[in-house]
Amino acid sequence: MDNLSECKRKVILVTDGDRIAKRAVEVAAKNIGARCISASAGNPTRRSGKELVEMIKQAPNDPVVVMLDDRGFNGAGRGEEALAFITAHPEIQVLGVLAVASNTENVSGCTVDASITNSGKVIEGAVDKSGKPKHDPQEGDTVEIIDKLNLPLVIGIGDIGKMDGADDAGKGAPLTTRAFQTIIEKSGFAQDLAVLQPDGAL
């Protein structure tokens, strides 16, 4: 890990932020030892990209999880605008983005590197809102800008905190947790952390 990379805050972005998603993301972030910016939740996102970057910089440890939501707005809504700002910020390193499926119509969607199904499997290709495999692209209301941002890793998932109860926060949000773990593993963050902390503790 180079010195420039070490100085940047490590961030996981989530393209959802409603009340149920917020609770699941908070639980899943705790499960992996991440810090969740709960104030980033909202349907739609209420905080600007600049405000969110300041919150990220104040978080006590990495990775930092940030929620972004367009509330079904076609085109670049507030969530996508904040997502683009965070991604481009020189003090932020995005480890990956969790692209959340929705039933929003007439959206172009995005390409995913892998997805988490409602049974917890990591698959190639996209999933729908219920977490079932589908043909690409991954469709959602806050994902249309993703392909333009050159993000290092995009993981698809169904409706966070739901999927017929399979991702319920009361059950530990297992699917969102698995998605975060996949980003940690594929991004190399855990390996970099093990170099800094020989015991490998997160």
N, C-alpha and C. Protein backbone atom coordinates (compact mmCIF):
# COMPACT_ATOMS: atom_id res chain seq x y z
N MET A 1 0.85 -1.20 0.00
CA MET A 1 0.00 0.00 0.00
C MET A 1 0.88 1.24 0.00
N ASP A 2 0.75 2.13 -1.00
CA ASP A 2 1.61 3.29 -1.10
C ASP A 2 1.18 4.37 -0.11
N ASN A 3 2.07 5.35 0.11
CA ASN A 3 1.80 6.39 1.10
C ASN A 3 0.60 7.24 0.75
N LEU A 4 0.42 7.52 -0.56
CA LEU A 4 -0.72 8.33 -0.99
C LEU A 4 -2.03 7.62 -0.68
N SER A 5 -2.06 6.32 -0.94
CA SER A 5 -3.26 5.53 -0.66
C SER A 5 -3.54 5.46 0.84
N GLU A 6 -2.48 5.37 1.64
CA GLU A 6 -2.63 5.29 3.09
C GLU A 6 -3.32 6.54 3.63
N CYS A 7 -3.06 7.69 3.03
CA CYS A 7 -3.61 8.96 3.52
C CYS A 7 -5.09 9.12 3.21
N LYS A 8 -5.58 8.39 2.25
CA LYS A 8 -6.98 8.54 1.85
C LYS A 8 -7.90 7.75 2.76
N ARG A 9 -9.10 8.29 3.00
CA ARG A 9 -10.11 7.56 3.76
C ARG A 9 -10.74 6.50 2.87
N LYS A 10 -10.91 5.31 3.41
CA LYS A 10 -11.45 4.18 2.64
C LYS A 10 -12.96 4.11 2.84
N VAL A 11 -13.70 4.12 1.73
CA VAL A 11 -15.15 4.29 1.78
C VAL A 11 -15.87 3.21 0.98
N ILE A 12 -16.99 2.74 1.52
CA ILE A 12 -17.92 1.88 0.80
C ILE A 12 -19.21 2.68 0.60
N LEU A 13 -19.67 2.78 -0.63
CA LEU A 13 -20.88 3.53 -0.94
C LEU A 13 -22.06 2.57 -1.14
N VAL A 14 -23.24 2.98 -0.68
CA VAL A 14 -24.45 2.17 -0.79
C VAL A 14 -25.54 3.01 -1.43
N THR A 15 -26.13 2.53 -2.53
CA THR A 15 -27.11 3.34 -3.25
C THR A 15 -28.54 3.11 -2.73
N ASP A 16 -28.70 3.30 -1.44
CA ASP A 16 -30.01 3.20 -0.80
C ASP A 16 -29.92 3.93 0.53
N GLY A 17 -31.04 4.43 1.03
CA GLY A 17 -30.96 5.17 2.28
C GLY A 17 -32.28 5.32 3.01
N ASP A 18 -33.30 4.51 2.63
CA ASP A 18 -34.57 4.64 3.35
C ASP A 18 -34.44 4.06 4.76
N ARG A 19 -35.49 4.14 5.52
CA ARG A 19 -35.45 3.77 6.94
C ARG A 19 -35.03 2.32 7.14
N ILE A 20 -35.59 1.42 6.37
CA ILE A 20 -35.28 -0.01 6.53
C ILE A 20 -33.85 -0.30 6.08
N ALA A 21 -33.44 0.31 4.97
CA ALA A 21 -32.07 0.13 4.49
C ALA A 21 -31.08 0.68 5.50
N LYS A 22 -31.40 1.82 6.08
CA LYS A 22 -30.50 2.45 7.06
C LYS A 22 -30.21 1.51 8.21
N ARG A 23 -31.24 0.88 8.75
CA ARG A 23 -31.04 -0.03 9.87
C ARG A 23 -30.18 -1.23 9.46
N ALA A 24 -30.44 -1.79 8.29
CA ALA A 24 -29.67 -2.94 7.82
C ALA A 24 -28.21 -2.56 7.57
N VAL A 25 -27.99 -1.40 6.98
CA VAL A 25 -26.62 -0.95 6.70
C VAL A 25 -25.87 -0.71 8.01
N GLU A 26 -26.53 -0.11 8.99
CA GLU A 26 -25.89 0.12 10.29
C GLU A 26 -25.46 -1.20 10.93
N VAL A 27 -26.35 -2.19 10.89
CA VAL A 27 -26.03 -3.50 11.47
C VAL A 27 -24.89 -4.17 10.71
N ALA A 28 -24.97 -4.17 9.38
CA ALA A 28 -23.95 -4.81 8.56
C ALA A 28 -22.59 -4.14 8.73
N ALA A 29 -22.59 -2.81 8.81
CA ALA A 29 -21.33 -2.07 9.00
C ALA A 29 -20.69 -2.47 10.33
N LYS A 30 -21.49 -2.58 11.36
CA LYS A 30 -20.98 -3.00 12.67
C LYS A 30 -20.42 -4.42 12.59
N ASN A 31 -21.08 -5.27 11.83
CA ASN A 31 -20.64 -6.66 11.70
C ASN A 31 -19.24 -6.79 11.12
N ILE A 32 -18.86 -5.86 10.25
CA ILE A 32 -17.54 -5.94 9.62
C ILE A 32 -16.53 -4.96 10.23
N GLY A 33 -16.92 -4.27 11.29
CA GLY A 33 -16.02 -3.34 11.94
C GLY A 33 -15.88 -2.01 11.24
N ALA A 34 -16.86 -1.68 10.38
CA ALA A 34 -16.83 -0.41 9.65
C ALA A 34 -17.57 0.67 10.44
N ARG A 35 -17.38 1.91 10.04
CA ARG A 35 -18.10 3.05 10.61
C ARG A 35 -19.18 3.49 9.62
N CYS A 36 -20.40 3.55 10.07
CA CYS A 36 -21.51 3.96 9.22
C CYS A 36 -21.85 5.42 9.46
N ILE A 37 -21.93 6.21 8.41
CA ILE A 37 -22.37 7.60 8.52
C ILE A 37 -23.90 7.58 8.47
N SER A 38 -24.53 7.42 9.62
CA SER A 38 -26.00 7.30 9.66
C SER A 38 -26.69 8.55 9.13
N ALA A 39 -26.03 9.70 9.29
CA ALA A 39 -26.61 10.96 8.81
C ALA A 39 -26.68 11.02 7.28
N SER A 40 -26.01 10.07 6.60
CA SER A 40 -26.09 10.05 5.14
C SER A 40 -27.39 9.43 4.65
N ALA A 41 -28.12 8.76 5.54
CA ALA A 41 -29.38 8.13 5.16
C ALA A 41 -30.42 9.19 4.83
N GLY A 42 -31.42 8.78 4.09
CA GLY A 42 -32.50 9.69 3.70
C GLY A 42 -33.08 9.22 2.39
N ASN A 43 -34.31 9.55 2.17
CA ASN A 43 -34.99 9.12 0.96
C ASN A 43 -35.75 10.32 0.37
N PRO A 44 -35.06 11.23 -0.36
CA PRO A 44 -33.71 11.08 -0.89
C PRO A 44 -32.63 11.55 0.09
N THR A 45 -31.36 11.43 -0.34
CA THR A 45 -30.23 11.92 0.42
C THR A 45 -30.40 13.41 0.71
N ARG A 46 -30.19 13.79 1.95
CA ARG A 46 -30.37 15.19 2.35
C ARG A 46 -29.05 15.95 2.44
N ARG A 47 -27.96 15.23 2.55
CA ARG A 47 -26.64 15.86 2.69
C ARG A 47 -25.96 16.00 1.34
N SER A 48 -25.21 17.07 1.18
CA SER A 48 -24.46 17.27 -0.06
C SER A 48 -23.20 16.41 -0.04
N GLY A 49 -22.60 16.24 -1.21
CA GLY A 49 -21.35 15.51 -1.27
C GLY A 49 -20.28 16.14 -0.40
N LYS A 50 -20.22 17.46 -0.39
CA LYS A 50 -19.22 18.17 0.41
C LYS A 50 -19.43 17.89 1.90
N GLU A 51 -20.68 17.92 2.35
CA GLU A 51 -20.98 17.64 3.76
C GLU A 51 -20.59 16.21 4.12
N LEU A 52 -20.89 15.29 3.23
CA LEU A 52 -20.59 13.88 3.50
C LEU A 52 -19.09 13.62 3.56
N VAL A 53 -18.32 14.28 2.70
CA VAL A 53 -16.87 14.13 2.75
C VAL A 53 -16.33 14.60 4.10
N GLU A 54 -16.86 15.69 4.61
CA GLU A 54 -16.40 16.18 5.92
C GLU A 54 -16.73 15.16 7.01
N MET A 55 -17.90 14.53 6.92
CA MET A 55 -18.27 13.50 7.90
C MET A 55 -17.36 12.28 7.79
N ILE A 56 -17.05 11.90 6.57
CA ILE A 56 -16.14 10.77 6.34
C ILE A 56 -14.79 11.05 6.98
N LYS A 57 -14.27 12.24 6.79
CA LYS A 57 -12.96 12.60 7.31
C LYS A 57 -12.92 12.61 8.83
N GLN A 58 -14.10 12.79 9.46
CA GLN A 58 -14.16 12.82 10.92
C GLN A 58 -14.41 11.44 11.53
N ALA A 59 -14.72 10.45 10.71
CA ALA A 59 -14.97 9.10 11.23
C ALA A 59 -13.70 8.55 11.87
N PRO A 60 -13.82 7.84 12.99
CA PRO A 60 -12.63 7.38 13.72
C PRO A 60 -11.83 6.27 13.04
N ASN A 61 -12.43 5.51 12.17
CA ASN A 61 -11.68 4.44 11.50
C ASN A 61 -12.30 4.09 10.16
N ASP A 62 -11.53 3.37 9.37
CA ASP A 62 -11.98 2.89 8.07
C ASP A 62 -12.36 1.40 8.18
N PRO A 63 -13.15 0.89 7.22
CA PRO A 63 -13.81 1.64 6.15
C PRO A 63 -15.02 2.40 6.67
N VAL A 64 -15.41 3.42 5.92
CA VAL A 64 -16.57 4.24 6.27
C VAL A 64 -17.67 3.95 5.25
N VAL A 65 -18.86 3.66 5.75
CA VAL A 65 -19.99 3.33 4.89
C VAL A 65 -20.91 4.54 4.75
N VAL A 66 -21.23 4.89 3.50
CA VAL A 66 -22.07 6.06 3.21
C VAL A 66 -23.25 5.64 2.35
N MET A 67 -24.44 6.10 2.73
CA MET A 67 -25.66 5.80 1.98
C MET A 67 -26.04 6.96 1.06
N LEU A 68 -26.53 6.63 -0.13
CA LEU A 68 -26.91 7.64 -1.12
C LEU A 68 -28.20 7.19 -1.79
N ASP A 69 -29.17 8.09 -1.92
CA ASP A 69 -30.50 7.70 -2.40
C ASP A 69 -31.11 8.80 -3.25
N ASP A 70 -31.70 8.41 -4.38
CA ASP A 70 -32.36 9.37 -5.28
C ASP A 70 -33.88 9.40 -5.13
N ARG A 71 -34.43 8.47 -4.35
CA ARG A 71 -35.88 8.34 -4.16
C ARG A 71 -36.64 8.22 -5.49
N GLY A 72 -36.13 7.36 -6.34
CA GLY A 72 -36.82 7.05 -7.58
C GLY A 72 -36.70 8.09 -8.67
N PHE A 73 -35.83 9.08 -8.47
CA PHE A 73 -35.68 10.16 -9.46
C PHE A 73 -34.90 9.64 -10.66
N ASN A 74 -35.49 9.76 -11.86
CA ASN A 74 -34.79 9.37 -13.08
C ASN A 74 -33.73 10.41 -13.42
N GLY A 75 -32.56 9.94 -13.82
CA GLY A 75 -31.48 10.87 -14.09
C GLY A 75 -30.67 11.11 -12.83
N ALA A 76 -29.80 12.12 -12.88
CA ALA A 76 -28.89 12.40 -11.76
C ALA A 76 -29.61 13.17 -10.66
N GLY A 77 -30.06 12.47 -9.63
CA GLY A 77 -30.68 13.10 -8.47
C GLY A 77 -29.65 13.45 -7.42
N ARG A 78 -30.11 13.80 -6.23
CA ARG A 78 -29.20 14.25 -5.18
C ARG A 78 -28.23 13.16 -4.74
N GLY A 79 -28.73 11.92 -4.68
CA GLY A 79 -27.86 10.82 -4.28
C GLY A 79 -26.72 10.60 -5.24
N GLU A 80 -27.04 10.62 -6.54
CA GLU A 80 -26.01 10.41 -7.56
C GLU A 80 -25.03 11.58 -7.63
N GLU A 81 -25.53 12.78 -7.42
CA GLU A 81 -24.64 13.94 -7.41
C GLU A 81 -23.63 13.84 -6.27
N ALA A 82 -24.11 13.42 -5.09
CA ALA A 82 -23.22 13.25 -3.94
C ALA A 82 -22.25 12.10 -4.18
N LEU A 83 -22.73 11.03 -4.82
CA LEU A 83 -21.88 9.88 -5.13
C LEU A 83 -20.72 10.31 -6.02
N ALA A 84 -21.02 11.09 -7.05
CA ALA A 84 -19.99 11.56 -7.97
C ALA A 84 -18.98 12.46 -7.27
N PHE A 85 -19.46 13.31 -6.37
CA PHE A 85 -18.57 14.23 -5.64
C PHE A 85 -17.61 13.45 -4.75
N ILE A 86 -18.15 12.48 -4.01
CA ILE A 86 -17.32 11.68 -3.11
C ILE A 86 -16.28 10.90 -3.89
N THR A 87 -16.71 10.28 -4.99
CA THR A 87 -15.81 9.46 -5.80
C THR A 87 -14.64 10.27 -6.35
N ALA A 88 -14.89 11.51 -6.71
CA ALA A 88 -13.86 12.35 -7.32
C ALA A 88 -12.97 13.05 -6.30
N HIS A 89 -13.30 12.96 -5.01
CA HIS A 89 -12.56 13.73 -4.01
C HIS A 89 -11.16 13.15 -3.81
N PRO A 90 -10.14 14.00 -3.81
CA PRO A 90 -8.75 13.52 -3.71
C PRO A 90 -8.38 12.87 -2.37
N GLU A 91 -9.19 13.10 -1.34
CA GLU A 91 -8.88 12.52 -0.02
C GLU A 91 -9.69 11.25 0.26
N ILE A 92 -10.42 10.80 -0.74
CA ILE A 92 -11.29 9.62 -0.57
C ILE A 92 -10.85 8.50 -1.52
N GLN A 93 -10.78 7.30 -1.01
CA GLN A 93 -10.58 6.11 -1.85
C GLN A 93 -11.81 5.22 -1.71
N VAL A 94 -12.57 5.10 -2.78
CA VAL A 94 -13.76 4.25 -2.76
C VAL A 94 -13.32 2.80 -2.96
N LEU A 95 -13.59 1.97 -1.97
CA LEU A 95 -13.27 0.54 -2.08
C LEU A 95 -14.23 -0.16 -3.02
N GLY A 96 -15.49 0.27 -2.99
CA GLY A 96 -16.51 -0.33 -3.83
C GLY A 96 -17.85 0.30 -3.56
N VAL A 97 -18.79 0.00 -4.44
CA VAL A 97 -20.14 0.52 -4.27
C VAL A 97 -21.12 -0.65 -4.29
N LEU A 98 -22.09 -0.59 -3.41
CA LEU A 98 -23.16 -1.58 -3.36
C LEU A 98 -24.33 -1.02 -4.16
N ALA A 99 -24.56 -1.58 -5.35
CA ALA A 99 -25.59 -1.09 -6.27
C ALA A 99 -26.91 -1.80 -5.96
N VAL A 100 -27.85 -1.07 -5.39
CA VAL A 100 -29.10 -1.64 -4.89
C VAL A 100 -30.18 -1.60 -5.97
N ALA A 101 -30.80 -2.75 -6.21
CA ALA A 101 -31.84 -2.85 -7.23
C ALA A 101 -33.14 -2.23 -6.75
N SER A 102 -33.90 -1.69 -7.70
CA SER A 102 -35.24 -1.18 -7.40
C SER A 102 -36.10 -1.38 -8.64
N ASN A 103 -37.38 -1.06 -8.50
CA ASN A 103 -38.31 -1.23 -9.62
C ASN A 103 -38.50 0.05 -10.43
N THR A 104 -37.59 1.01 -10.26
CA THR A 104 -37.68 2.26 -11.00
C THR A 104 -37.69 1.99 -12.51
N GLU A 105 -38.64 2.59 -13.21
CA GLU A 105 -38.78 2.35 -14.65
C GLU A 105 -37.93 3.32 -15.47
N ASN A 106 -37.61 2.88 -16.69
CA ASN A 106 -36.90 3.70 -17.67
C ASN A 106 -35.54 4.18 -17.17
N VAL A 107 -34.80 3.27 -16.52
CA VAL A 107 -33.45 3.60 -16.09
C VAL A 107 -32.47 2.75 -16.89
N SER A 108 -31.25 3.29 -17.08
CA SER A 108 -30.26 2.57 -17.87
C SER A 108 -29.50 1.54 -17.05
N GLY A 109 -29.49 1.70 -15.73
CA GLY A 109 -28.82 0.74 -14.88
C GLY A 109 -27.31 0.84 -14.94
N CYS A 110 -26.64 -0.18 -14.41
CA CYS A 110 -25.17 -0.19 -14.40
C CYS A 110 -24.65 -1.61 -14.51
N THR A 111 -23.38 -1.72 -14.81
CA THR A 111 -22.71 -3.01 -14.89
C THR A 111 -22.15 -3.36 -13.52
N VAL A 112 -22.29 -4.63 -13.12
CA VAL A 112 -21.75 -5.06 -11.82
C VAL A 112 -20.62 -6.07 -12.03
N ASP A 113 -19.71 -6.12 -11.06
CA ASP A 113 -18.63 -7.10 -11.08
C ASP A 113 -19.10 -8.43 -10.50
N ALA A 114 -20.07 -8.36 -9.60
CA ALA A 114 -20.66 -9.54 -8.98
C ALA A 114 -21.91 -9.09 -8.25
N SER A 115 -22.72 -10.04 -7.80
CA SER A 115 -23.92 -9.70 -7.03
C SER A 115 -24.12 -10.71 -5.91
N ILE A 116 -24.89 -10.28 -4.90
CA ILE A 116 -25.28 -11.16 -3.80
C ILE A 116 -26.75 -11.52 -4.00
N THR A 117 -27.04 -12.82 -4.06
CA THR A 117 -28.43 -13.25 -4.23
C THR A 117 -29.14 -13.28 -2.88
N ASN A 118 -30.46 -13.52 -2.93
CA ASN A 118 -31.22 -13.59 -1.68
C ASN A 118 -30.93 -14.84 -0.86
N SER A 119 -30.12 -15.72 -1.41
CA SER A 119 -29.68 -16.89 -0.64
C SER A 119 -28.24 -16.72 -0.15
N GLY A 120 -27.66 -15.55 -0.41
CA GLY A 120 -26.32 -15.26 0.07
C GLY A 120 -25.19 -15.69 -0.83
N LYS A 121 -25.52 -16.15 -2.04
CA LYS A 121 -24.48 -16.57 -2.98
C LYS A 121 -23.90 -15.37 -3.72
N VAL A 122 -22.60 -15.45 -4.01
CA VAL A 122 -21.95 -14.44 -4.83
C VAL A 122 -21.94 -14.95 -6.26
N ILE A 123 -22.58 -14.21 -7.16
CA ILE A 123 -22.72 -14.66 -8.54
C ILE A 123 -22.20 -13.59 -9.51
N GLU A 124 -21.98 -14.01 -10.74
CA GLU A 124 -21.72 -13.05 -11.80
C GLU A 124 -23.06 -12.50 -12.27
N GLY A 125 -23.06 -11.26 -12.76
CA GLY A 125 -24.30 -10.67 -13.27
C GLY A 125 -25.11 -9.99 -12.20
N ALA A 126 -26.27 -9.49 -12.61
CA ALA A 126 -27.12 -8.64 -11.77
C ALA A 126 -28.17 -9.45 -11.01
N VAL A 127 -28.84 -8.76 -10.09
CA VAL A 127 -29.99 -9.32 -9.38
C VAL A 127 -31.12 -8.30 -9.41
N ASP A 128 -32.35 -8.78 -9.16
CA ASP A 128 -33.48 -7.86 -9.12
C ASP A 128 -33.75 -7.42 -7.68
N LYS A 129 -34.83 -6.69 -7.48
CA LYS A 129 -35.15 -6.14 -6.17
C LYS A 129 -35.30 -7.21 -5.10
N SER A 130 -35.76 -8.39 -5.48
CA SER A 130 -35.94 -9.47 -4.52
C SER A 130 -34.67 -10.29 -4.31
N GLY A 131 -33.61 -9.93 -5.03
CA GLY A 131 -32.34 -10.63 -4.89
C GLY A 131 -32.20 -11.85 -5.76
N LYS A 132 -33.05 -11.96 -6.78
CA LYS A 132 -32.98 -13.09 -7.70
C LYS A 132 -32.11 -12.72 -8.90
N PRO A 133 -31.31 -13.67 -9.40
CA PRO A 133 -30.45 -13.39 -10.56
C PRO A 133 -31.26 -12.92 -11.76
N LYS A 134 -30.71 -11.98 -12.52
CA LYS A 134 -31.34 -11.47 -13.72
C LYS A 134 -30.26 -11.11 -14.72
N HIS A 135 -30.69 -10.83 -15.95
CA HIS A 135 -29.74 -10.39 -16.95
C HIS A 135 -29.28 -8.96 -16.65
N ASP A 136 -28.05 -8.66 -17.03
CA ASP A 136 -27.55 -7.29 -16.87
C ASP A 136 -28.43 -6.32 -17.64
N PRO A 137 -28.51 -5.05 -17.28
CA PRO A 137 -27.74 -4.42 -16.22
C PRO A 137 -28.45 -4.49 -14.85
N GLN A 138 -27.75 -4.02 -13.83
CA GLN A 138 -28.35 -3.86 -12.50
C GLN A 138 -29.19 -2.58 -12.55
N GLU A 139 -30.49 -2.70 -12.27
CA GLU A 139 -31.38 -1.55 -12.41
C GLU A 139 -31.79 -1.00 -11.04
N GLY A 140 -31.63 0.31 -10.90
CA GLY A 140 -32.01 0.98 -9.66
C GLY A 140 -32.04 2.47 -9.86
N ASP A 141 -32.58 3.20 -8.90
CA ASP A 141 -32.77 4.64 -9.12
C ASP A 141 -31.54 5.48 -8.79
N THR A 142 -30.51 4.89 -8.19
CA THR A 142 -29.32 5.67 -7.85
C THR A 142 -28.07 5.01 -8.41
N VAL A 143 -28.21 4.26 -9.49
CA VAL A 143 -27.08 3.53 -10.04
C VAL A 143 -26.69 3.96 -11.46
N GLU A 144 -27.51 4.80 -12.08
CA GLU A 144 -27.28 5.13 -13.49
C GLU A 144 -25.92 5.79 -13.75
N ILE A 145 -25.41 6.51 -12.77
CA ILE A 145 -24.16 7.25 -12.96
C ILE A 145 -22.93 6.37 -12.75
N ILE A 146 -23.12 5.19 -12.17
CA ILE A 146 -21.99 4.36 -11.74
C ILE A 146 -21.03 4.03 -12.87
N ASP A 147 -21.53 3.65 -14.03
CA ASP A 147 -20.65 3.26 -15.14
C ASP A 147 -19.77 4.41 -15.63
N LYS A 148 -20.16 5.63 -15.33
CA LYS A 148 -19.39 6.79 -15.78
C LYS A 148 -18.26 7.16 -14.82
N LEU A 149 -18.24 6.55 -13.64
CA LEU A 149 -17.33 6.99 -12.58
C LEU A 149 -16.06 6.17 -12.45
N ASN A 150 -15.92 5.11 -13.23
CA ASN A 150 -14.71 4.29 -13.19
C ASN A 150 -14.42 3.79 -11.77
N LEU A 151 -15.44 3.28 -11.12
CA LEU A 151 -15.28 2.76 -9.76
C LEU A 151 -14.57 1.42 -9.79
N PRO A 152 -13.78 1.11 -8.77
CA PRO A 152 -12.98 -0.11 -8.80
C PRO A 152 -13.78 -1.40 -8.64
N LEU A 153 -14.94 -1.33 -7.99
CA LEU A 153 -15.70 -2.54 -7.70
C LEU A 153 -17.17 -2.18 -7.49
N VAL A 154 -18.04 -2.89 -8.21
CA VAL A 154 -19.49 -2.67 -8.10
C VAL A 154 -20.15 -4.00 -7.80
N ILE A 155 -20.83 -4.07 -6.65
CA ILE A 155 -21.51 -5.29 -6.22
C ILE A 155 -23.02 -5.04 -6.20
N GLY A 156 -23.77 -5.86 -6.92
CA GLY A 156 -25.22 -5.73 -6.96
C GLY A 156 -25.87 -6.45 -5.79
N ILE A 157 -27.04 -5.95 -5.38
CA ILE A 157 -27.80 -6.57 -4.31
C ILE A 157 -29.27 -6.16 -4.47
N GLY A 158 -30.17 -6.94 -3.90
CA GLY A 158 -31.58 -6.60 -3.93
C GLY A 158 -31.92 -5.51 -2.93
N ASP A 159 -33.18 -5.40 -2.57
CA ASP A 159 -33.64 -4.34 -1.68
C ASP A 159 -33.10 -4.56 -0.27
N ILE A 160 -32.16 -3.74 0.14
CA ILE A 160 -31.46 -3.91 1.40
C ILE A 160 -32.43 -3.89 2.59
N GLY A 161 -32.22 -4.84 3.50
CA GLY A 161 -33.05 -4.94 4.69
C GLY A 161 -34.35 -5.68 4.46
N LYS A 162 -34.60 -6.08 3.22
CA LYS A 162 -35.87 -6.74 2.87
C LYS A 162 -35.60 -8.09 2.22
N MET A 163 -35.89 -8.21 0.94
CA MET A 163 -35.75 -9.46 0.20
C MET A 163 -36.49 -10.59 0.91
N ASP A 164 -37.77 -10.36 1.15
CA ASP A 164 -38.64 -11.34 1.80
C ASP A 164 -38.12 -11.75 3.17
N GLY A 165 -37.54 -10.79 3.87
CA GLY A 165 -37.06 -11.04 5.22
C GLY A 165 -35.67 -11.64 5.31
N ALA A 166 -35.07 -11.99 4.17
CA ALA A 166 -33.76 -12.64 4.19
C ALA A 166 -32.64 -11.71 4.66
N ASP A 167 -32.87 -10.40 4.55
CA ASP A 167 -31.84 -9.43 4.95
C ASP A 167 -32.30 -8.56 6.11
N ASP A 168 -33.25 -9.04 6.87
CA ASP A 168 -33.80 -8.27 7.98
C ASP A 168 -32.70 -7.88 8.97
N ALA A 169 -32.74 -6.62 9.41
CA ALA A 169 -31.74 -6.14 10.38
C ALA A 169 -31.79 -6.94 11.67
N GLY A 170 -32.99 -7.39 12.04
CA GLY A 170 -33.14 -8.19 13.25
C GLY A 170 -32.45 -9.54 13.17
N LYS A 171 -32.17 -9.97 11.95
CA LYS A 171 -31.45 -11.24 11.74
C LYS A 171 -29.96 -10.99 11.51
N GLY A 172 -29.55 -9.73 11.64
CA GLY A 172 -28.15 -9.40 11.42
C GLY A 172 -27.82 -8.91 10.04
N ALA A 173 -28.86 -8.61 9.24
CA ALA A 173 -28.66 -8.13 7.85
C ALA A 173 -27.60 -8.96 7.14
N PRO A 174 -27.81 -10.28 7.05
CA PRO A 174 -26.76 -11.17 6.53
C PRO A 174 -26.37 -10.93 5.07
N LEU A 175 -27.31 -10.51 4.24
CA LEU A 175 -26.98 -10.30 2.82
C LEU A 175 -26.16 -9.02 2.62
N THR A 176 -26.55 -7.97 3.31
CA THR A 176 -25.77 -6.73 3.23
C THR A 176 -24.39 -6.95 3.84
N THR A 177 -24.34 -7.71 4.92
CA THR A 177 -23.05 -8.04 5.53
C THR A 177 -22.17 -8.80 4.54
N ARG A 178 -22.76 -9.77 3.85
CA ARG A 178 -22.00 -10.55 2.86
C ARG A 178 -21.51 -9.66 1.74
N ALA A 179 -22.33 -8.70 1.34
CA ALA A 179 -21.92 -7.77 0.28
C ALA A 179 -20.74 -6.92 0.73
N PHE A 180 -20.79 -6.42 1.96
CA PHE A 180 -19.67 -5.63 2.49
C PHE A 180 -18.41 -6.48 2.58
N GLN A 181 -18.56 -7.71 3.06
CA GLN A 181 -17.41 -8.61 3.15
C GLN A 181 -16.79 -8.86 1.78
N THR A 182 -17.65 -8.98 0.77
CA THR A 182 -17.16 -9.21 -0.59
C THR A 182 -16.36 -8.02 -1.08
N ILE A 183 -16.83 -6.82 -0.79
CA ILE A 183 -16.09 -5.60 -1.17
C ILE A 183 -14.76 -5.55 -0.43
N ILE A 184 -14.76 -5.85 0.87
CA ILE A 184 -13.53 -5.85 1.65
C ILE A 184 -12.52 -6.85 1.07
N GLU A 185 -13.00 -8.04 0.75
CA GLU A 185 -12.12 -9.09 0.22
C GLU A 185 -11.58 -8.73 -1.16
N LYS A 186 -12.48 -8.33 -2.07
CA LYS A 186 -12.08 -8.08 -3.45
C LYS A 186 -11.27 -6.79 -3.61
N SER A 187 -11.46 -5.83 -2.71
CA SER A 187 -10.73 -4.56 -2.80
C SER A 187 -9.31 -4.67 -2.27
N GLY A 188 -9.02 -5.72 -1.51
CA GLY A 188 -7.70 -5.86 -0.90
C GLY A 188 -7.55 -5.11 0.40
N PHE A 189 -8.63 -4.50 0.89
CA PHE A 189 -8.55 -3.71 2.12
C PHE A 189 -8.11 -4.57 3.31
N ALA A 190 -8.67 -5.76 3.44
CA ALA A 190 -8.33 -6.64 4.56
C ALA A 190 -6.86 -7.02 4.52
N GLN A 191 -6.34 -7.24 3.32
CA GLN A 191 -4.93 -7.59 3.17
C GLN A 191 -4.04 -6.41 3.56
N ASP A 192 -4.41 -5.22 3.13
CA ASP A 192 -3.65 -4.03 3.50
C ASP A 192 -3.68 -3.82 5.00
N LEU A 193 -4.83 -4.06 5.61
CA LEU A 193 -4.97 -3.88 7.05
C LEU A 193 -4.10 -4.88 7.80
N ALA A 194 -4.00 -6.09 7.29
CA ALA A 194 -3.18 -7.12 7.93
C ALA A 194 -1.71 -6.72 7.92
N VAL A 195 -1.29 -5.97 6.89
CA VAL A 195 0.09 -5.51 6.83
C VAL A 195 0.33 -4.48 7.92
N LEU A 196 -0.68 -3.60 8.13
CA LEU A 196 -0.55 -2.58 9.16
C LEU A 196 -0.69 -3.15 10.56
N GLN A 197 -1.56 -4.19 10.70
CA GLN A 197 -1.81 -4.83 11.98
C GLN A 197 -1.50 -6.32 11.83
N PRO A 198 -0.33 -6.75 12.22
CA PRO A 198 0.09 -8.13 11.97
C PRO A 198 -0.89 -9.20 12.48
N ASP A 199 -1.67 -8.87 13.49
CA ASP A 199 -2.62 -9.85 14.00
C ASP A 199 -3.86 -9.96 13.11
N GLY A 200 -3.99 -9.05 12.12
CA GLY A 200 -5.10 -9.11 11.17
C GLY A 200 -6.41 -8.63 11.73
N ALA A 201 -6.40 -8.02 12.91
CA ALA A 201 -7.67 -7.60 13.54
C ALA A 201 -8.32 -6.48 12.77
N LEU A 202 -9.63 -6.58 12.61
CA LEU A 202 -10.37 -5.51 11.95
C LEU A 202 -10.85 -4.52 12.99
